Amino acid sequence: MMRRHWLLVGACGWVLLILMFISKFINFSFRIPDYAERREMFVWTFPSVTTKRTAVQWSDKGASQPYILSSVGPSVVEPIDWQSVNEKRLELLSTVCRNSTMWNLTHTTVDKFVLDRIFVCDKHKILFCQTPKVGNTQWKKVLIVLNGMFSKVEAIPENLVHDHERNGLPRLSSMTDTEIHQRLNSYFKFFIVRDPFERLISAFKDKFVKNPRFEPWYKHNIAPAIIRKYRRSHNDDSESVGLQFEDFVRYLGDKSGRQRLDRQFGDNIIHWLTYADLCAPCDISYNVVGHHETLERDAPYILKAAGIADLVSYPNIPPGITRYNRTKVERYFTGISQRDVRRLYASYQGDFSLFDYQRPAFLLD
């Protein structure tokens, strides 16, 4: 009897030891990947890879300064340090990216078109995604200096910055699949955003009104095509009047109907495509999202986060020039039907939500 008792005790002991051993290899907890913690699946047209994001750390936390965001831009208004600002931006981005009801507005395939937008600085392991009409020219100058072509940004000729054959800035699309994956997994990645409607106004002025870089195809090819399809009242000299902002809004609001024109326009449409279409922020794991409205503060901290603050400076920004201008927005949208404005907002709602820009109720309601 005593022998059976000890055999039973021994058997129980072995069972406990086995269970303890197995428990080390089993994890019963499940988590949704969090953008702010830098873990997310990278959607790729080739075999998929997982991009690892390293949180931005500061070697000198005492340098953090109070940070107040514009009430018409991101909704965070309390004074906080920039690292917290960036973490909140990434947390919001992660939340919106996981919202299945907005999936078609926030996700895109990471194909050659997207990779064409991303410029590479191998020397300092940096990837910068170009989002036109938000101060990209200055960031390209920063990368040109880092790549060693010029010693300072002020020395770079304006006509060289956008000459991608001569500016020494390789695009991610020019590399092999292995090189692309390696850089997306390990380099510091960032891009800049701006209030979506104010960005569209800037694109319209730059390409169809002023056209400072002398790109005649915007006025002579793209504008007439938009006018023919989207201007409501036509007459003999309709096209000679030139593209009106109302025509532009109607074209942009027709998200599905304009696809044929967009294919015809080619890469010229990058100046008004959504941030989601340009940079795939829900499908590529960026370390930092800067805001044009607070660029005076964002720029130096981005340089610091990328580890290049001692090597290059962002060009001087005139005080207040990047702030949101509601008066200008109201002026441009005056006379445009609420129906057209609502359709435009529906096309760009993903950008408003992903980057915490407030719904422009003064135009929509």
Protein backbone atom coordinates (compact mmCIF):
# COMPACT_ATOMS: atom_id res chain seq x y z
CA MET A 1 0.00 0.00 0.00
CA MET A 2 2.81 2.34 1.00
CA ARG A 3 4.61 1.55 -2.28
CA ARG A 4 1.55 2.53 -4.34
CA HIS A 5 1.31 5.76 -2.40
CA TRP A 6 4.88 6.76 -3.23
CA LEU A 7 4.46 5.70 -6.87
CA LEU A 8 1.41 7.99 -7.13
CA VAL A 9 3.32 10.90 -5.55
CA GLY A 10 6.22 10.33 -7.93
CA ALA A 11 3.93 10.26 -10.96
CA CYS A 12 2.29 13.52 -9.93
CA GLY A 13 5.71 15.10 -9.54
CA TRP A 14 6.74 14.07 -13.04
CA VAL A 15 3.49 15.47 -14.47
CA LEU A 16 4.12 18.84 -12.77
CA LEU A 17 7.69 18.96 -14.08
CA ILE A 18 6.51 18.19 -17.62
CA LEU A 19 3.82 20.90 -17.47
CA MET A 20 6.33 23.46 -16.19
CA PHE A 21 8.72 22.57 -19.01
CA ILE A 22 6.01 22.86 -21.69
CA SER A 23 4.72 26.19 -20.34
CA LYS A 24 8.03 27.81 -21.23
CA PHE A 25 7.34 27.25 -24.92
CA ILE A 26 3.67 28.17 -25.04
CA ASN A 27 2.39 31.72 -25.01
CA PHE A 28 -1.36 32.01 -24.55
CA SER A 29 -1.52 35.79 -24.96
CA PHE A 30 -2.35 37.43 -28.29
CA ARG A 31 -1.76 41.04 -29.35
CA ILE A 32 -2.67 43.17 -32.33
CA PRO A 33 0.51 44.67 -33.81
CA ASP A 34 0.87 48.29 -32.70
CA TYR A 35 2.28 50.89 -35.09
CA ALA A 36 3.73 52.92 -32.26
CA GLU A 37 5.71 49.89 -31.05
CA ARG A 38 7.14 49.53 -34.56
CA ARG A 39 5.78 46.07 -35.40
CA GLU A 40 3.53 45.58 -38.42
CA MET A 41 3.26 43.43 -41.53
CA PHE A 42 4.63 45.02 -44.67
CA VAL A 43 2.35 44.40 -47.65
CA TRP A 44 4.46 43.78 -50.73
CA THR A 45 3.80 42.87 -54.34
CA PHE A 46 6.68 40.42 -54.04
CA PRO A 47 7.05 38.00 -51.07
CA SER A 48 5.93 39.78 -47.90
CA VAL A 49 8.35 40.79 -45.18
CA THR A 50 7.94 42.10 -41.66
CA THR A 51 9.39 45.55 -41.06
CA LYS A 52 10.93 46.17 -37.66
CA ARG A 53 10.60 49.69 -36.33
CA THR A 54 13.02 51.03 -33.79
CA ALA A 55 11.46 53.57 -31.47
CA VAL A 56 13.00 57.03 -31.66
CA GLN A 57 15.12 57.57 -28.57
CA TRP A 58 16.68 60.81 -27.41
CA SER A 59 20.18 61.02 -26.00
CA ASP A 60 19.41 64.43 -24.53
CA LYS A 61 15.89 64.51 -23.16
CA GLY A 62 16.54 67.84 -21.54
CA ALA A 63 16.45 69.38 -25.01
CA SER A 64 12.76 68.61 -25.43
CA GLN A 65 10.69 71.79 -25.45
CA PRO A 66 7.00 72.50 -24.88
CA TYR A 67 5.09 71.75 -28.06
CA ILE A 68 1.71 73.18 -29.00
CA LEU A 69 -0.09 71.99 -32.10
CA SER A 70 -2.47 74.06 -34.19
CA SER A 71 -6.13 73.64 -33.25
CA VAL A 72 -7.05 73.35 -36.92
CA GLY A 73 -4.45 70.68 -37.52
CA PRO A 74 -3.86 67.74 -35.17
CA SER A 75 -6.21 67.87 -32.21
CA VAL A 76 -3.53 67.58 -29.49
CA VAL A 77 -3.24 71.05 -27.97
CA GLU A 78 -1.60 70.57 -24.57
CA PRO A 79 2.11 71.44 -24.24
CA ILE A 80 4.10 68.22 -24.54
CA ASP A 81 7.50 67.21 -25.86
CA TRP A 82 8.04 66.30 -29.49
CA GLN A 83 8.73 62.63 -28.83
CA SER A 84 5.27 62.33 -27.24
CA VAL A 85 3.76 64.18 -30.20
CA ASN A 86 5.29 61.69 -32.63
CA GLU A 87 4.17 58.71 -30.53
CA LYS A 88 0.60 60.01 -30.48
CA ARG A 89 0.68 60.51 -34.25
CA LEU A 90 1.86 56.94 -34.78
CA GLU A 91 -0.72 55.56 -32.34
CA LEU A 92 -3.52 57.32 -34.20
CA LEU A 93 -2.11 56.14 -37.52
CA SER A 94 -2.12 52.56 -36.25
CA THR A 95 -5.71 52.83 -35.03
CA VAL A 96 -7.04 54.24 -38.30
CA CYS A 97 -5.05 51.71 -40.34
CA ARG A 98 -6.83 48.90 -38.48
CA ASN A 99 -10.28 50.40 -39.13
CA SER A 100 -11.82 48.04 -41.67
CA THR A 101 -14.49 50.57 -42.71
CA MET A 102 -11.78 52.89 -44.07
CA TRP A 103 -9.52 50.22 -45.54
CA ASN A 104 -9.98 51.34 -49.16
CA LEU A 105 -9.04 54.91 -48.21
CA THR A 106 -5.96 54.08 -46.15
CA HIS A 107 -4.24 51.05 -47.66
CA THR A 108 -2.43 50.67 -50.97
CA THR A 109 -0.17 48.14 -52.63
CA VAL A 110 3.51 48.85 -52.16
CA ASP A 111 4.47 48.69 -55.84
CA LYS A 112 6.93 50.51 -58.07
CA PHE A 113 4.80 53.67 -58.03
CA VAL A 114 5.15 53.94 -54.23
CA LEU A 115 8.84 52.97 -54.27
CA ASP A 116 9.45 55.72 -56.84
CA ARG A 117 8.36 58.24 -54.21
CA ILE A 118 10.93 57.09 -51.63
CA PHE A 119 14.43 58.62 -51.76
CA VAL A 120 17.40 56.83 -50.23
CA CYS A 121 20.40 58.05 -48.25
CA ASP A 122 22.49 54.92 -47.73
CA LYS A 123 25.30 56.79 -46.01
CA HIS A 124 23.07 57.61 -43.04
CA LYS A 125 20.41 54.90 -43.50
CA ILE A 126 17.47 57.21 -44.19
CA LEU A 127 14.38 56.81 -46.38
CA PHE A 128 12.27 59.87 -47.20
CA CYS A 129 8.89 59.55 -48.91
CA GLN A 130 8.03 62.51 -51.12
CA THR A 131 4.62 64.11 -50.57
CA PRO A 132 4.46 67.08 -52.97
CA LYS A 133 3.28 70.52 -51.81
CA VAL A 134 4.44 70.11 -48.20
CA GLY A 135 7.99 71.47 -48.38
CA ASN A 136 9.62 68.46 -50.03
CA THR A 137 12.13 70.60 -51.93
CA GLN A 138 13.87 71.51 -48.68
CA TRP A 139 14.02 67.91 -47.45
CA LYS A 140 15.53 66.83 -50.77
CA LYS A 141 18.21 69.48 -50.24
CA VAL A 142 18.95 67.99 -46.83
CA LEU A 143 19.42 64.54 -48.39
CA ILE A 144 21.59 65.93 -51.20
CA VAL A 145 23.92 67.43 -48.58
CA LEU A 146 23.98 64.17 -46.63
CA ASN A 147 24.90 62.27 -49.77
CA GLY A 148 27.94 64.54 -50.11
CA MET A 149 27.09 66.36 -53.31
CA PHE A 150 27.06 69.81 -51.61
CA SER A 151 28.35 71.02 -48.26
CA LYS A 152 25.28 73.07 -47.33
CA VAL A 153 21.66 73.38 -48.49
CA GLU A 154 22.01 77.05 -49.45
CA ALA A 155 24.54 76.13 -52.16
CA ILE A 156 22.20 73.79 -54.05
CA PRO A 157 20.73 75.28 -57.27
CA GLU A 158 16.92 75.08 -57.37
CA ASN A 159 16.88 73.52 -60.82
CA LEU A 160 19.07 70.66 -59.61
CA VAL A 161 16.82 69.59 -56.73
CA HIS A 162 14.11 68.17 -58.97
CA ASP A 163 16.45 66.88 -61.66
CA HIS A 164 16.47 63.27 -60.59
CA GLU A 165 19.08 62.36 -63.18
CA ARG A 166 21.63 64.72 -61.62
CA ASN A 167 20.74 65.35 -57.97
CA GLY A 168 22.36 62.18 -56.66
CA LEU A 169 19.24 60.95 -54.86
CA PRO A 170 18.53 57.29 -55.68
CA ARG A 171 14.96 56.06 -55.48
CA LEU A 172 14.10 52.88 -53.63
CA SER A 173 12.56 51.52 -56.82
CA SER A 174 16.00 51.46 -58.49
CA MET A 175 17.21 48.71 -56.16
CA THR A 176 16.85 44.94 -56.11
CA ASP A 177 14.09 43.24 -54.14
CA THR A 178 16.59 42.15 -51.48
CA GLU A 179 18.01 45.67 -51.16
CA ILE A 180 14.52 47.14 -50.92
CA HIS A 181 13.48 44.75 -48.15
CA GLN A 182 16.69 45.31 -46.21
CA ARG A 183 16.29 49.10 -46.27
CA LEU A 184 12.60 49.06 -45.40
CA ASN A 185 13.39 46.82 -42.45
CA SER A 186 16.29 48.75 -41.00
CA TYR A 187 16.46 52.40 -42.20
CA PHE A 188 14.98 55.47 -40.52
CA LYS A 189 11.80 56.30 -42.48
CA PHE A 190 9.80 59.52 -42.47
CA PHE A 191 7.48 61.76 -44.48
CA ILE A 192 5.61 65.05 -44.03
CA VAL A 193 1.87 65.78 -44.25
CA ARG A 194 -0.29 68.88 -44.47
CA ASP A 195 -3.98 69.72 -44.19
CA PRO A 196 -5.37 67.85 -47.24
CA PHE A 197 -7.53 70.69 -48.59
CA GLU A 198 -4.83 73.34 -48.16
CA ARG A 199 -2.40 71.02 -49.96
CA LEU A 200 -4.82 70.74 -52.91
CA ILE A 201 -5.05 74.52 -53.10
CA SER A 202 -1.25 74.70 -53.16
CA ALA A 203 -1.10 72.11 -55.96
CA PHE A 204 -3.71 73.99 -58.00
CA LYS A 205 -1.88 77.32 -57.65
CA ASP A 206 1.54 75.85 -58.37
CA LYS A 207 0.61 73.80 -61.44
CA PHE A 208 -2.34 75.60 -63.04
CA VAL A 209 -1.96 79.25 -62.02
CA LYS A 210 1.69 80.20 -61.44
CA ASN A 211 3.59 77.22 -62.84
CA PRO A 212 7.01 78.58 -61.73
CA ARG A 213 9.02 75.63 -63.04
CA PHE A 214 7.63 76.04 -66.55
CA GLU A 215 5.84 72.72 -66.88
CA PRO A 216 3.52 73.61 -69.79
CA TRP A 217 1.82 70.22 -69.92
CA TYR A 218 -0.27 71.09 -66.86
CA LYS A 219 -1.97 74.01 -68.61
CA HIS A 220 -1.87 72.67 -72.16
CA ASN A 221 -2.72 68.99 -71.65
CA ILE A 222 -4.05 68.22 -68.18
CA ALA A 223 -6.21 71.32 -67.65
CA PRO A 224 -8.14 71.00 -70.97
CA ALA A 225 -8.84 67.31 -70.29
CA ILE A 226 -10.29 68.14 -66.86
CA ILE A 227 -12.32 71.04 -68.26
CA ARG A 228 -13.84 68.91 -71.02
CA LYS A 229 -15.07 66.29 -68.56
CA TYR A 230 -15.89 68.27 -65.44
CA ARG A 231 -16.85 71.86 -66.36
CA ARG A 232 -20.64 72.15 -66.12
CA SER A 233 -21.16 75.02 -68.54
CA HIS A 234 -19.27 74.97 -71.82
CA ASN A 235 -18.94 77.64 -74.51
CA ASP A 236 -16.62 78.26 -77.43
CA ASP A 237 -13.84 79.81 -75.35
CA SER A 238 -14.38 77.61 -72.27
CA GLU A 239 -10.86 76.19 -72.33
CA SER A 240 -9.23 79.55 -72.93
CA VAL A 241 -10.46 80.69 -69.50
CA GLY A 242 -8.20 78.08 -67.97
CA LEU A 243 -8.82 75.54 -65.26
CA GLN A 244 -10.90 76.86 -62.36
CA PHE A 245 -10.60 75.53 -58.81
CA GLU A 246 -14.22 74.35 -59.05
CA ASP A 247 -13.29 72.15 -62.06
CA PHE A 248 -10.33 70.79 -60.10
CA VAL A 249 -12.50 69.97 -57.07
CA ARG A 250 -15.07 68.18 -59.22
CA TYR A 251 -12.34 66.11 -60.88
CA LEU A 252 -10.71 65.14 -57.57
CA GLY A 253 -14.06 64.25 -55.99
CA ASP A 254 -14.82 61.76 -58.75
CA LYS A 255 -12.50 59.13 -57.27
CA SER A 256 -13.65 56.21 -59.43
CA GLY A 257 -14.64 58.14 -62.57
CA ARG A 258 -11.32 59.96 -62.94
CA GLN A 259 -9.15 56.83 -63.14
CA ARG A 260 -8.91 56.92 -66.93
CA LEU A 261 -7.72 60.54 -66.85
CA ASP A 262 -5.24 59.74 -64.08
CA ARG A 263 -3.68 57.01 -66.20
CA GLN A 264 -3.45 59.51 -69.05
CA PHE A 265 -1.78 62.11 -66.79
CA GLY A 266 0.86 59.64 -65.53
CA ASP A 267 3.12 60.59 -62.63
CA ASN A 268 1.99 64.23 -62.82
CA ILE A 269 -0.88 63.30 -60.51
CA ILE A 270 1.49 62.89 -57.54
CA HIS A 271 0.86 66.55 -56.66
CA TRP A 272 -2.73 65.80 -55.62
CA LEU A 273 -2.80 62.08 -54.84
CA THR A 274 -3.54 61.12 -51.24
CA TYR A 275 -0.75 60.44 -48.77
CA ALA A 276 -2.02 56.87 -48.59
CA ASP A 277 -1.52 56.44 -52.35
CA LEU A 278 1.91 58.09 -52.31
CA CYS A 279 3.63 56.63 -49.26
CA ALA A 280 1.50 53.65 -48.12
CA PRO A 281 1.69 54.67 -44.43
CA CYS A 282 -0.49 51.73 -43.37
CA ASP A 283 1.71 49.26 -45.22
CA ILE A 284 5.20 50.63 -44.62
CA SER A 285 6.34 51.19 -41.05
CA TYR A 286 7.50 54.79 -40.78
CA ASN A 287 9.40 56.05 -37.72
CA VAL A 288 8.24 59.66 -37.94
CA VAL A 289 5.35 61.61 -39.47
CA GLY A 290 6.05 65.34 -39.58
CA HIS A 291 3.39 68.03 -40.00
CA HIS A 292 3.79 71.02 -42.28
CA GLU A 293 1.79 73.22 -39.88
CA THR A 294 4.39 72.69 -37.12
CA LEU A 295 7.45 72.29 -39.34
CA GLU A 296 9.37 74.98 -37.47
CA ARG A 297 9.48 72.61 -34.52
CA ASP A 298 9.24 69.29 -36.34
CA ALA A 299 12.22 69.77 -38.66
CA PRO A 300 15.00 70.05 -36.04
CA TYR A 301 13.58 67.13 -34.08
CA ILE A 302 13.35 64.95 -37.19
CA LEU A 303 17.01 65.66 -37.88
CA LYS A 304 17.82 64.69 -34.31
CA ALA A 305 15.73 61.52 -34.44
CA ALA A 306 17.51 60.50 -37.65
CA GLY A 307 20.90 61.12 -36.01
CA ILE A 308 21.96 63.84 -38.45
CA ALA A 309 21.34 67.06 -36.49
CA ASP A 310 25.10 67.73 -36.25
CA LEU A 311 25.63 67.21 -39.98
CA VAL A 312 23.00 69.36 -41.68
CA SER A 313 20.39 72.01 -40.90
CA TYR A 314 16.92 72.42 -42.33
CA PRO A 315 16.63 75.68 -44.32
CA ASN A 316 15.27 78.66 -42.41
CA ILE A 317 11.47 78.84 -42.24
CA PRO A 318 9.87 82.31 -42.10
CA PRO A 319 7.78 82.44 -38.89
CA GLY A 320 4.16 81.45 -39.41
CA ILE A 321 4.45 80.66 -43.11
CA THR A 322 3.56 76.99 -42.66
CA ARG A 323 0.54 77.53 -40.40
CA TYR A 324 -2.92 76.55 -41.56
CA ASN A 325 -4.76 79.42 -43.26
CA ARG A 326 -8.52 78.95 -42.90
CA THR A 327 -9.25 82.28 -44.59
CA LYS A 328 -7.48 81.12 -47.74
CA VAL A 329 -9.33 77.79 -47.71
CA GLU A 330 -12.69 79.53 -47.35
CA ARG A 331 -11.84 81.93 -50.19
CA TYR A 332 -10.95 79.14 -52.62
CA PHE A 333 -14.04 77.09 -51.80
CA THR A 334 -16.43 80.04 -52.07
CA GLY A 335 -19.09 79.32 -54.69
CA ILE A 336 -18.38 75.58 -54.89
CA SER A 337 -21.46 73.46 -54.21
CA GLN A 338 -21.67 71.59 -50.93
CA ARG A 339 -22.25 68.40 -52.89
CA ASP A 340 -18.91 68.78 -54.68
CA VAL A 341 -17.09 69.65 -51.45
CA ARG A 342 -18.54 66.59 -49.72
CA ARG A 343 -17.47 64.35 -52.58
CA LEU A 344 -13.97 65.82 -52.37
CA TYR A 345 -13.86 65.20 -48.61
CA ALA A 346 -15.00 61.61 -49.14
CA SER A 347 -12.02 61.07 -51.48
CA TYR A 348 -9.55 62.50 -48.95
CA GLN A 349 -11.20 61.36 -45.72
CA GLY A 350 -8.48 58.76 -45.22
CA ASP A 351 -5.82 61.47 -45.09
CA PHE A 352 -7.87 63.59 -42.69
CA SER A 353 -8.34 60.62 -40.34
CA LEU A 354 -4.87 59.09 -40.54
CA PHE A 355 -3.11 62.33 -39.61
CA ASP A 356 -5.62 63.89 -37.22
CA TYR A 357 -6.79 66.77 -39.39
CA GLN A 358 -10.18 68.02 -38.34
CA ARG A 359 -13.16 67.56 -40.60
CA PRO A 360 -13.76 71.01 -42.21
CA ALA A 361 -17.29 71.47 -40.92
CA PHE A 362 -17.30 75.13 -42.04
CA LEU A 363 -17.30 73.81 -45.64
CA LEU A 364 -19.32 70.61 -45.28
CA ASP A 365 -22.27 71.54 -43.01
